[in-house]
Amino acid sequence: ELWHTGWMHNRVRMIAASFLVKHLLIDWRKGERWFWDTLVDADYGSNAVNWQWTAGTGVDSNMFVRIMAPLTQSPKFDAADYIRQWVPELAHLSDADIHDPVFPPRGYPAKIVPHAEARARALSAHQAMKAQS
């Protein structure tokens, strides 16, 4: 959606930021630069502060231990319309299966990282950083 339209709903921005920073342990500044370069409504201050909040590095930051679960967020905020529009490979799946396909279509990419594993790794990395400071 972002690459196609230059826009993303705020909830999607938050989930994407949380996934990048906490599931994949990628420096928040890479996501901040990507959003800055691609969002048509990019605002330098808001963009930087939102990424810092997600990463737990800003003054008014989100606690790092709050790690969004994509498979909890998805059905909570999307009745499957968003996925059907932006992930057409899954459009034929039922509303119940579309958020977490048990049998994804042939050629569909595997999950990048399981949430429980990513959460544990992020919390471990956070504890290691705290121990060094």
N, C-alpha and C. Protein backbone atom coordinates (compact mmCIF):
# COMPACT_ATOMS: atom_id res chain seq x y z
N GLU A 1 0.83 -1.19 0.00
CA GLU A 1 0.00 0.00 0.00
C GLU A 1 0.87 1.25 0.00
N LEU A 2 1.87 1.27 0.88
CA LEU A 2 2.73 2.46 0.96
C LEU A 2 3.44 2.72 -0.36
N TRP A 3 4.01 1.70 -0.95
CA TRP A 3 4.73 1.88 -2.20
C TRP A 3 3.79 2.28 -3.33
N HIS A 4 2.57 1.75 -3.31
CA HIS A 4 1.60 2.01 -4.37
C HIS A 4 0.93 3.38 -4.25
N THR A 5 0.57 3.77 -3.02
CA THR A 5 -0.21 4.99 -2.83
C THR A 5 0.54 6.12 -2.13
N GLY A 6 1.61 5.78 -1.42
CA GLY A 6 2.31 6.79 -0.64
C GLY A 6 1.65 7.05 0.70
N TRP A 7 0.72 6.20 1.09
CA TRP A 7 -0.03 6.41 2.33
C TRP A 7 -0.26 5.08 3.02
N MET A 8 -0.39 5.11 4.34
CA MET A 8 -0.78 3.95 5.15
C MET A 8 -1.58 4.46 6.34
N HIS A 9 -2.59 3.70 6.73
CA HIS A 9 -3.35 4.02 7.93
C HIS A 9 -2.40 4.00 9.13
N ASN A 10 -2.68 4.83 10.13
CA ASN A 10 -1.81 4.91 11.29
C ASN A 10 -1.61 3.56 11.97
N ARG A 11 -2.65 2.75 12.10
CA ARG A 11 -2.52 1.44 12.74
C ARG A 11 -1.54 0.56 11.96
N VAL A 12 -1.62 0.62 10.64
CA VAL A 12 -0.71 -0.18 9.80
C VAL A 12 0.72 0.33 9.96
N ARG A 13 0.88 1.63 10.08
CA ARG A 13 2.21 2.20 10.31
C ARG A 13 2.79 1.68 11.62
N MET A 14 1.95 1.66 12.66
CA MET A 14 2.41 1.19 13.97
C MET A 14 2.79 -0.29 13.94
N ILE A 15 1.97 -1.11 13.28
CA ILE A 15 2.26 -2.54 13.19
C ILE A 15 3.54 -2.77 12.39
N ALA A 16 3.68 -2.06 11.27
CA ALA A 16 4.88 -2.20 10.44
C ALA A 16 6.13 -1.79 11.23
N ALA A 17 6.03 -0.68 11.95
CA ALA A 17 7.18 -0.20 12.73
C ALA A 17 7.54 -1.19 13.83
N SER A 18 6.54 -1.67 14.54
CA SER A 18 6.78 -2.63 15.61
C SER A 18 7.40 -3.90 15.06
N PHE A 19 6.90 -4.38 13.93
CA PHE A 19 7.43 -5.61 13.33
C PHE A 19 8.89 -5.42 12.93
N LEU A 20 9.20 -4.31 12.28
CA LEU A 20 10.57 -4.06 11.83
C LEU A 20 11.54 -3.98 13.01
N VAL A 21 11.16 -3.19 14.01
CA VAL A 21 12.06 -2.92 15.13
C VAL A 21 12.13 -4.09 16.11
N LYS A 22 11.00 -4.68 16.43
CA LYS A 22 10.97 -5.66 17.51
C LYS A 22 10.98 -7.11 17.02
N HIS A 23 10.35 -7.41 15.92
CA HIS A 23 10.39 -8.78 15.41
C HIS A 23 11.68 -9.05 14.65
N LEU A 24 12.12 -8.05 13.87
CA LEU A 24 13.30 -8.25 13.03
C LEU A 24 14.57 -7.64 13.61
N LEU A 25 14.44 -6.86 14.69
CA LEU A 25 15.57 -6.20 15.36
C LEU A 25 16.37 -5.32 14.39
N ILE A 26 15.66 -4.60 13.55
CA ILE A 26 16.28 -3.67 12.61
C ILE A 26 16.22 -2.27 13.21
N ASP A 27 17.29 -1.54 13.08
CA ASP A 27 17.39 -0.18 13.63
C ASP A 27 16.20 0.67 13.16
N TRP A 28 15.53 1.32 14.11
CA TRP A 28 14.33 2.12 13.80
C TRP A 28 14.61 3.20 12.77
N ARG A 29 15.85 3.67 12.70
CA ARG A 29 16.17 4.76 11.77
C ARG A 29 16.05 4.34 10.31
N LYS A 30 16.21 3.04 10.05
CA LYS A 30 16.01 2.55 8.67
C LYS A 30 14.54 2.66 8.28
N GLY A 31 13.66 2.28 9.19
CA GLY A 31 12.23 2.42 8.94
C GLY A 31 11.81 3.87 8.83
N GLU A 32 12.38 4.69 9.69
CA GLU A 32 12.07 6.12 9.65
C GLU A 32 12.45 6.72 8.30
N ARG A 33 13.62 6.35 7.79
CA ARG A 33 14.05 6.87 6.48
C ARG A 33 13.14 6.37 5.37
N TRP A 34 12.73 5.09 5.44
CA TRP A 34 11.84 4.53 4.42
C TRP A 34 10.50 5.26 4.41
N PHE A 35 9.93 5.46 5.58
CA PHE A 35 8.66 6.19 5.65
C PHE A 35 8.84 7.62 5.16
N TRP A 36 9.93 8.27 5.54
CA TRP A 36 10.18 9.64 5.12
C TRP A 36 10.26 9.72 3.60
N ASP A 37 10.90 8.76 2.97
CA ASP A 37 11.08 8.76 1.51
C ASP A 37 9.82 8.36 0.75
N THR A 38 8.89 7.67 1.40
CA THR A 38 7.74 7.12 0.66
C THR A 38 6.38 7.70 1.05
N LEU A 39 6.21 8.20 2.26
CA LEU A 39 4.91 8.74 2.67
C LEU A 39 4.64 10.10 2.04
N VAL A 40 3.48 10.26 1.43
CA VAL A 40 3.14 11.56 0.85
C VAL A 40 2.80 12.58 1.94
N ASP A 41 2.40 12.09 3.12
CA ASP A 41 2.08 13.00 4.22
C ASP A 41 3.19 13.02 5.27
N ALA A 42 4.41 12.69 4.85
CA ALA A 42 5.53 12.63 5.79
C ALA A 42 5.76 13.99 6.45
N ASP A 43 5.94 13.94 7.75
CA ASP A 43 6.28 15.12 8.54
C ASP A 43 7.50 14.72 9.36
N TYR A 44 8.58 15.45 9.20
CA TYR A 44 9.84 15.04 9.82
C TYR A 44 9.70 14.79 11.33
N GLY A 45 9.13 15.74 12.04
CA GLY A 45 9.00 15.60 13.49
C GLY A 45 8.13 14.43 13.90
N SER A 46 6.96 14.33 13.31
CA SER A 46 6.04 13.24 13.66
C SER A 46 6.63 11.88 13.31
N ASN A 47 7.24 11.79 12.14
CA ASN A 47 7.81 10.52 11.70
C ASN A 47 8.90 10.06 12.67
N ALA A 48 9.83 10.94 12.98
CA ALA A 48 10.93 10.57 13.88
C ALA A 48 10.41 10.21 15.27
N VAL A 49 9.52 11.02 15.80
CA VAL A 49 8.99 10.76 17.15
C VAL A 49 8.20 9.46 17.18
N ASN A 50 7.40 9.16 16.16
CA ASN A 50 6.64 7.92 16.14
C ASN A 50 7.55 6.70 16.10
N TRP A 51 8.61 6.77 15.31
CA TRP A 51 9.56 5.65 15.27
C TRP A 51 10.30 5.51 16.60
N GLN A 52 10.68 6.62 17.21
CA GLN A 52 11.34 6.56 18.52
C GLN A 52 10.40 5.98 19.57
N TRP A 53 9.13 6.37 19.51
CA TRP A 53 8.13 5.86 20.46
C TRP A 53 8.03 4.34 20.33
N THR A 54 7.95 3.86 19.09
CA THR A 54 7.84 2.42 18.86
C THR A 54 9.09 1.69 19.36
N ALA A 55 10.26 2.26 19.07
CA ALA A 55 11.52 1.62 19.44
C ALA A 55 11.85 1.76 20.93
N GLY A 56 11.11 2.62 21.62
CA GLY A 56 11.38 2.82 23.04
C GLY A 56 12.59 3.70 23.30
N THR A 57 12.92 4.58 22.34
CA THR A 57 14.11 5.41 22.50
C THR A 57 13.80 6.88 22.74
N GLY A 58 12.56 7.29 22.57
CA GLY A 58 12.21 8.70 22.71
C GLY A 58 11.87 9.08 24.13
N VAL A 59 11.68 10.37 24.35
CA VAL A 59 11.33 10.89 25.67
C VAL A 59 9.97 10.35 26.10
N ASP A 60 8.99 10.39 25.22
CA ASP A 60 7.65 9.89 25.51
C ASP A 60 7.48 8.57 24.74
N SER A 61 8.31 7.62 25.06
CA SER A 61 8.38 6.41 24.24
C SER A 61 7.49 5.29 24.76
N ASN A 62 7.13 4.43 23.83
CA ASN A 62 6.42 3.21 24.13
C ASN A 62 7.40 2.29 24.84
N MET A 63 6.97 1.63 25.87
CA MET A 63 7.87 0.68 26.52
C MET A 63 8.30 -0.36 25.50
N PHE A 64 9.57 -0.67 25.46
CA PHE A 64 10.07 -1.61 24.47
C PHE A 64 9.38 -2.96 24.60
N VAL A 65 8.99 -3.32 25.81
CA VAL A 65 8.40 -4.64 26.02
C VAL A 65 7.00 -4.77 25.42
N ARG A 66 6.40 -3.66 24.98
CA ARG A 66 5.10 -3.75 24.30
C ARG A 66 5.37 -4.11 22.84
N ILE A 67 5.16 -5.37 22.52
CA ILE A 67 5.46 -5.88 21.19
C ILE A 67 4.15 -6.30 20.54
N MET A 68 3.77 -5.59 19.50
CA MET A 68 2.49 -5.88 18.83
C MET A 68 2.53 -7.26 18.18
N ALA A 69 1.48 -8.03 18.38
CA ALA A 69 1.34 -9.33 17.74
C ALA A 69 0.55 -9.13 16.45
N PRO A 70 1.19 -9.24 15.30
CA PRO A 70 0.49 -8.99 14.04
C PRO A 70 -0.78 -9.82 13.86
N LEU A 71 -0.76 -11.07 14.32
CA LEU A 71 -1.94 -11.92 14.14
C LEU A 71 -3.05 -11.60 15.13
N THR A 72 -2.78 -10.80 16.14
CA THR A 72 -3.82 -10.28 17.02
C THR A 72 -4.36 -8.98 16.44
N GLN A 73 -3.46 -8.13 15.95
CA GLN A 73 -3.85 -6.84 15.39
C GLN A 73 -4.68 -7.00 14.12
N SER A 74 -4.30 -7.93 13.27
CA SER A 74 -4.94 -8.07 11.96
C SER A 74 -6.45 -8.26 12.03
N PRO A 75 -6.96 -9.31 12.69
CA PRO A 75 -8.42 -9.47 12.72
C PRO A 75 -9.13 -8.42 13.57
N LYS A 76 -8.40 -7.84 14.52
CA LYS A 76 -9.00 -6.83 15.39
C LYS A 76 -9.33 -5.55 14.62
N PHE A 77 -8.50 -5.22 13.63
CA PHE A 77 -8.67 -3.96 12.91
C PHE A 77 -9.02 -4.11 11.44
N ASP A 78 -9.11 -5.35 10.94
CA ASP A 78 -9.44 -5.56 9.53
C ASP A 78 -10.41 -6.72 9.40
N ALA A 79 -11.53 -6.47 8.77
CA ALA A 79 -12.51 -7.52 8.52
C ALA A 79 -12.11 -8.35 7.29
N ALA A 80 -10.88 -8.25 6.87
CA ALA A 80 -10.27 -8.95 5.73
C ALA A 80 -10.29 -8.13 4.45
N ASP A 81 -10.95 -6.99 4.46
CA ASP A 81 -11.00 -6.15 3.26
C ASP A 81 -9.62 -5.61 2.89
N TYR A 82 -8.88 -5.15 3.88
CA TYR A 82 -7.55 -4.58 3.64
C TYR A 82 -6.63 -5.64 3.03
N ILE A 83 -6.62 -6.83 3.61
CA ILE A 83 -5.77 -7.90 3.10
C ILE A 83 -6.18 -8.27 1.68
N ARG A 84 -7.47 -8.38 1.44
CA ARG A 84 -7.93 -8.73 0.09
C ARG A 84 -7.49 -7.69 -0.95
N GLN A 85 -7.47 -6.44 -0.55
CA GLN A 85 -7.06 -5.39 -1.48
C GLN A 85 -5.55 -5.41 -1.73
N TRP A 86 -4.75 -5.55 -0.68
CA TRP A 86 -3.31 -5.39 -0.80
C TRP A 86 -2.52 -6.68 -0.89
N VAL A 87 -3.16 -7.81 -0.63
CA VAL A 87 -2.51 -9.11 -0.78
C VAL A 87 -3.45 -10.00 -1.59
N PRO A 88 -3.56 -9.74 -2.89
CA PRO A 88 -4.53 -10.45 -3.72
C PRO A 88 -4.30 -11.96 -3.77
N GLU A 89 -3.10 -12.42 -3.46
CA GLU A 89 -2.83 -13.87 -3.43
C GLU A 89 -3.67 -14.57 -2.37
N LEU A 90 -4.14 -13.83 -1.38
CA LEU A 90 -4.94 -14.42 -0.30
C LEU A 90 -6.43 -14.10 -0.43
N ALA A 91 -6.81 -13.36 -1.44
CA ALA A 91 -8.19 -12.86 -1.57
C ALA A 91 -9.24 -13.96 -1.57
N HIS A 92 -8.90 -15.13 -2.06
CA HIS A 92 -9.87 -16.23 -2.16
C HIS A 92 -10.10 -16.95 -0.83
N LEU A 93 -9.29 -16.68 0.18
CA LEU A 93 -9.43 -17.36 1.46
C LEU A 93 -10.62 -16.82 2.25
N SER A 94 -11.12 -17.65 3.15
CA SER A 94 -12.23 -17.23 4.00
C SER A 94 -11.76 -16.13 4.95
N ASP A 95 -12.72 -15.41 5.51
CA ASP A 95 -12.38 -14.36 6.48
C ASP A 95 -11.60 -14.94 7.66
N ALA A 96 -11.95 -16.15 8.07
CA ALA A 96 -11.29 -16.78 9.21
C ALA A 96 -9.84 -17.17 8.89
N ASP A 97 -9.59 -17.60 7.65
CA ASP A 97 -8.26 -18.08 7.28
C ASP A 97 -7.33 -17.00 6.74
N ILE A 98 -7.88 -15.90 6.30
CA ILE A 98 -7.07 -14.90 5.60
C ILE A 98 -6.02 -14.24 6.50
N HIS A 99 -6.28 -14.14 7.78
CA HIS A 99 -5.34 -13.47 8.69
C HIS A 99 -4.14 -14.35 9.02
N ASP A 100 -4.32 -15.65 9.01
CA ASP A 100 -3.23 -16.59 9.29
C ASP A 100 -3.47 -17.87 8.51
N PRO A 101 -3.15 -17.86 7.22
CA PRO A 101 -3.45 -19.03 6.39
C PRO A 101 -2.72 -20.29 6.85
N VAL A 102 -3.50 -21.31 7.19
CA VAL A 102 -2.91 -22.60 7.57
C VAL A 102 -2.30 -23.25 6.34
N PHE A 103 -3.00 -23.13 5.22
CA PHE A 103 -2.52 -23.66 3.95
C PHE A 103 -2.42 -22.52 2.95
N PRO A 104 -1.32 -21.76 3.00
CA PRO A 104 -1.18 -20.63 2.08
C PRO A 104 -1.08 -21.12 0.64
N PRO A 105 -1.41 -20.27 -0.31
CA PRO A 105 -1.34 -20.65 -1.72
C PRO A 105 0.09 -21.05 -2.10
N ARG A 106 0.18 -21.93 -3.06
CA ARG A 106 1.49 -22.37 -3.57
C ARG A 106 2.29 -21.14 -4.01
N GLY A 107 3.55 -21.10 -3.62
CA GLY A 107 4.41 -19.99 -3.99
C GLY A 107 4.33 -18.80 -3.05
N TYR A 108 3.39 -18.84 -2.10
CA TYR A 108 3.27 -17.74 -1.14
C TYR A 108 4.43 -17.83 -0.14
N PRO A 109 5.07 -16.72 0.18
CA PRO A 109 6.24 -16.77 1.08
C PRO A 109 5.90 -17.31 2.47
N ALA A 110 6.84 -18.03 3.04
CA ALA A 110 6.69 -18.52 4.41
C ALA A 110 6.78 -17.34 5.37
N LYS A 111 6.29 -17.53 6.59
CA LYS A 111 6.40 -16.48 7.60
C LYS A 111 7.88 -16.15 7.81
N ILE A 112 8.15 -14.88 7.99
CA ILE A 112 9.53 -14.44 8.19
C ILE A 112 10.04 -14.93 9.54
N VAL A 113 9.22 -14.78 10.56
CA VAL A 113 9.61 -15.19 11.90
C VAL A 113 8.33 -15.41 12.72
N PRO A 114 8.26 -16.50 13.49
CA PRO A 114 7.09 -16.69 14.36
C PRO A 114 7.07 -15.63 15.47
N HIS A 115 5.87 -15.17 15.80
CA HIS A 115 5.74 -14.09 16.79
C HIS A 115 6.37 -14.46 18.14
N ALA A 116 6.07 -15.64 18.66
CA ALA A 116 6.59 -16.00 19.98
C ALA A 116 8.11 -16.00 20.00
N GLU A 117 8.71 -16.52 18.94
CA GLU A 117 10.17 -16.55 18.84
C GLU A 117 10.74 -15.13 18.73
N ALA A 118 10.11 -14.32 17.91
CA ALA A 118 10.58 -12.94 17.72
C ALA A 118 10.43 -12.14 19.01
N ARG A 119 9.32 -12.34 19.70
CA ARG A 119 9.08 -11.62 20.96
C ARG A 119 10.15 -11.98 21.99
N ALA A 120 10.42 -13.28 22.12
CA ALA A 120 11.44 -13.72 23.08
C ALA A 120 12.81 -13.15 22.72
N ARG A 121 13.14 -13.14 21.45
CA ARG A 121 14.43 -12.61 21.00
C ARG A 121 14.53 -11.11 21.29
N ALA A 122 13.44 -10.37 21.03
CA ALA A 122 13.43 -8.93 21.27
C ALA A 122 13.59 -8.62 22.76
N LEU A 123 12.87 -9.35 23.59
CA LEU A 123 12.97 -9.12 25.03
C LEU A 123 14.37 -9.46 25.55
N SER A 124 14.97 -10.51 25.00
CA SER A 124 16.33 -10.89 25.38
C SER A 124 17.32 -9.80 24.97
N ALA A 125 17.16 -9.27 23.76
CA ALA A 125 18.03 -8.19 23.29
C ALA A 125 17.86 -6.95 24.16
N HIS A 126 16.62 -6.67 24.56
CA HIS A 126 16.35 -5.51 25.42
C HIS A 126 17.03 -5.68 26.77
N GLN A 127 16.92 -6.87 27.35
CA GLN A 127 17.58 -7.13 28.64
C GLN A 127 19.10 -6.98 28.52
N ALA A 128 19.66 -7.46 27.42
CA ALA A 128 21.11 -7.36 27.21
C ALA A 128 21.54 -5.90 27.12
N MET A 129 20.75 -5.08 26.43
CA MET A 129 21.08 -3.65 26.33
C MET A 129 20.99 -2.97 27.69
N LYS A 130 19.96 -3.32 28.47
CA LYS A 130 19.82 -2.73 29.80
C LYS A 130 20.98 -3.11 30.70
N ALA A 131 21.45 -4.34 30.57
CA ALA A 131 22.55 -4.81 31.40
C ALA A 131 23.85 -4.08 31.08
N GLN A 132 24.01 -3.63 29.85
CA GLN A 132 25.22 -2.93 29.43
C GLN A 132 25.23 -1.46 29.85
N SER A 133 24.06 -0.92 30.16
CA SER A 133 24.02 0.51 30.48
C SER A 133 24.17 0.78 31.95
